């Protein structure tokens, strides 16, 4: 055991170093590390786009992003740094009065995991009889791995 040949001061320093190093987590894990990912909002006005399919999209390069954006969101196409970020879009298809937001992102076991809040109107809410196509879009810190989306539903009461 290492501690057997250490003085009390040396043991204290070794324990302090271990404690400090164990707390070294940030919002940008490196490849192979789990932890929270930094999120950058990427507003997408999709009012004029009608896509009834639910989609979960992970884009890792500029060319694919520049092809995807104009078919799903209104111009202008935002500038993202694909050396340090990836783009995530989530949509649930056509609904009346629904909203989507990406609440968090993390790297977990080689996968980018995003938590999505789907808010729908309660029974007492008056909503326009128009089908909307909500989409939530963000850029997150670039890490390897596939995309996994976890949904949480909430009902917004209008009383």
Protein backbone atom coordinates (compact mmCIF):
# COMPACT_ATOMS: atom_id res chain seq x y z
CA UNK A 1 0.00 0.00 0.00
CA UNK A 2 1.33 3.45 -0.95
CA UNK A 3 0.27 5.13 2.31
CA UNK A 4 2.48 2.89 4.49
CA UNK A 5 5.67 4.75 3.52
CA UNK A 6 4.24 8.28 3.50
CA UNK A 7 4.39 10.84 6.27
CA UNK A 8 1.17 12.42 7.53
CA UNK A 9 1.80 15.53 5.41
CA UNK A 10 2.47 13.45 2.29
CA UNK A 11 -0.70 11.41 2.89
CA UNK A 12 -2.68 14.64 3.31
CA UNK A 13 -1.30 16.05 0.05
CA UNK A 14 -2.01 12.81 -1.81
CA UNK A 15 -5.60 12.74 -0.55
CA UNK A 16 -6.05 16.45 -1.45
CA UNK A 17 -4.77 15.86 -4.99
CA UNK A 18 -7.15 12.89 -5.42
CA UNK A 19 -10.11 14.95 -4.19
CA UNK A 20 -9.28 17.86 -6.50
CA UNK A 21 -8.80 15.60 -9.53
CA UNK A 22 -12.03 13.71 -8.86
CA UNK A 23 -13.92 17.01 -9.09
CA UNK A 24 -12.55 17.90 -12.52
CA UNK A 25 -15.71 17.63 -14.56
CA UNK A 26 -16.88 20.29 -16.93
CA UNK A 27 -19.59 20.95 -19.46
CA UNK A 28 -17.44 19.58 -22.26
CA UNK A 29 -16.41 15.97 -21.71
CA UNK A 30 -13.70 14.62 -23.95
CA UNK A 31 -14.13 11.46 -25.99
CA UNK A 32 -15.03 8.53 -23.75
CA UNK A 33 -16.08 10.63 -20.75
CA UNK A 34 -19.62 10.97 -19.46
CA UNK A 35 -21.03 14.29 -18.32
CA UNK A 36 -23.14 17.32 -19.20
CA UNK A 37 -22.72 18.98 -22.60
CA UNK A 38 -22.86 22.69 -23.29
CA UNK A 39 -26.00 23.70 -25.19
CA UNK A 40 -26.28 26.65 -27.60
CA UNK A 41 -29.76 27.70 -28.71
CA UNK A 42 -30.25 27.63 -32.48
CA UNK A 43 -33.66 29.23 -33.11
CA UNK A 44 -35.59 27.63 -35.96
CA UNK A 45 -38.70 29.33 -37.27
CA UNK A 46 -40.49 26.46 -38.93
CA UNK A 47 -43.88 28.11 -39.30
CA UNK A 48 -43.89 27.64 -43.05
CA UNK A 49 -42.59 24.06 -43.02
CA UNK A 50 -45.03 21.17 -42.87
CA UNK A 51 -43.38 17.92 -41.82
CA UNK A 52 -45.80 15.48 -40.22
CA UNK A 53 -43.11 12.96 -39.37
CA UNK A 54 -41.51 12.83 -35.94
CA UNK A 55 -37.75 13.20 -36.32
CA UNK A 56 -34.59 13.07 -34.24
CA UNK A 57 -31.65 14.49 -36.20
CA UNK A 58 -27.93 14.60 -35.38
CA UNK A 59 -25.74 16.52 -37.86
CA UNK A 60 -21.94 16.49 -37.56
CA UNK A 61 -20.81 18.47 -40.64
CA UNK A 62 -21.44 21.82 -42.30
CA UNK A 63 -22.45 20.45 -45.72
CA UNK A 64 -25.24 18.29 -44.28
CA UNK A 65 -26.39 21.16 -42.04
CA UNK A 66 -26.54 23.61 -44.97
CA UNK A 67 -28.65 21.08 -46.89
CA UNK A 68 -30.97 20.31 -43.95
CA UNK A 69 -31.64 23.85 -42.66
CA UNK A 70 -33.48 25.47 -45.62
CA UNK A 71 -35.85 22.51 -45.94
CA UNK A 72 -36.85 22.65 -42.24
CA UNK A 73 -36.25 26.19 -40.95
CA UNK A 74 -36.59 29.67 -42.36
CA UNK A 75 -33.48 31.61 -43.48
CA UNK A 76 -30.92 32.73 -42.62
CA UNK A 77 -28.87 29.61 -41.93
CA UNK A 78 -27.03 30.14 -38.62
CA UNK A 79 -23.27 29.79 -38.32
CA UNK A 80 -22.07 26.83 -36.23
CA UNK A 81 -18.56 25.57 -35.47
CA UNK A 82 -18.64 21.90 -36.47
CA UNK A 83 -15.08 21.43 -35.19
CA UNK A 84 -16.42 21.83 -31.63
CA UNK A 85 -20.20 21.32 -31.98
CA UNK A 86 -22.87 19.05 -33.43
CA UNK A 87 -26.43 20.07 -34.36
CA UNK A 88 -29.48 18.38 -32.85
CA UNK A 89 -33.08 18.79 -34.05
CA UNK A 90 -36.16 17.12 -32.62
CA UNK A 91 -39.68 17.32 -34.02
CA UNK A 92 -42.86 15.45 -33.16
CA UNK A 93 -44.88 15.97 -36.33
CA UNK A 94 -48.17 17.83 -36.60
CA UNK A 95 -50.14 18.78 -33.46
CA UNK A 96 -52.45 21.50 -32.22
CA UNK A 97 -50.93 23.74 -29.53
CA UNK A 98 -47.86 21.66 -28.71
CA UNK A 99 -44.43 23.10 -27.84
CA UNK A 100 -41.01 21.44 -27.72
CA UNK A 101 -37.81 22.41 -25.93
CA UNK A 102 -34.48 20.69 -25.40
CA UNK A 103 -33.77 21.03 -21.69
CA UNK A 104 -30.37 19.36 -21.36
CA UNK A 105 -27.73 17.29 -23.11
CA UNK A 106 -25.11 14.92 -21.81
CA UNK A 107 -22.59 12.36 -22.96
CA UNK A 108 -23.43 8.94 -21.56
CA UNK A 109 -21.79 5.62 -22.43
CA UNK A 110 -20.73 6.82 -25.89
CA UNK A 111 -24.10 8.40 -26.70
CA UNK A 112 -25.32 12.00 -26.87
CA UNK A 113 -28.45 12.03 -24.69
CA UNK A 114 -30.86 14.97 -24.93
CA UNK A 115 -33.82 15.57 -22.63
CA UNK A 116 -36.82 17.03 -24.47
CA UNK A 117 -39.85 18.65 -22.85
CA UNK A 118 -43.05 18.27 -24.86
CA UNK A 119 -45.73 20.65 -23.58
CA UNK A 120 -49.30 20.13 -24.68
CA UNK A 121 -52.43 22.12 -23.91
CA UNK A 122 -54.76 20.92 -21.17
CA UNK A 123 -58.46 20.17 -21.64
CA UNK A 124 -59.53 23.68 -20.67
CA UNK A 125 -57.19 25.44 -23.10
CA UNK A 126 -58.49 27.20 -26.15
CA UNK A 127 -56.19 26.54 -29.07
CA UNK A 128 -56.39 27.63 -32.67
CA UNK A 129 -57.61 24.85 -34.91
CA UNK A 130 -54.36 24.95 -36.81
CA UNK A 131 -51.89 22.11 -36.97
CA UNK A 132 -48.43 23.22 -35.86
CA UNK A 133 -45.16 21.41 -36.47
CA UNK A 134 -42.99 22.14 -33.43
CA UNK A 135 -39.26 21.65 -33.70
CA UNK A 136 -36.51 22.16 -31.11
CA UNK A 137 -32.98 22.84 -32.35
CA UNK A 138 -29.68 23.27 -30.50
CA UNK A 139 -25.94 22.90 -30.97
CA UNK A 140 -24.13 20.85 -28.33
CA UNK A 141 -20.49 20.19 -27.57
CA UNK A 142 -18.99 17.78 -30.09
CA UNK A 143 -18.46 14.27 -28.76
CA UNK A 144 -18.52 10.97 -30.63
CA UNK A 145 -21.58 8.80 -30.43
CA UNK A 146 -25.14 8.39 -31.61
CA UNK A 147 -28.16 10.39 -30.49
CA UNK A 148 -30.65 9.21 -27.87
CA UNK A 149 -33.69 11.38 -27.10
CA UNK A 150 -35.63 11.11 -23.84
CA UNK A 151 -39.05 12.75 -23.82
CA UNK A 152 -40.88 14.22 -20.87
CA UNK A 153 -44.46 15.34 -21.33
CA UNK A 154 -46.19 18.12 -19.47
CA UNK A 155 -49.73 19.40 -19.69
CA UNK A 156 -50.18 23.19 -19.54
CA UNK A 157 -53.43 24.03 -17.77
CA UNK A 158 -55.23 27.15 -18.85
CA UNK A 159 -57.67 27.70 -15.96
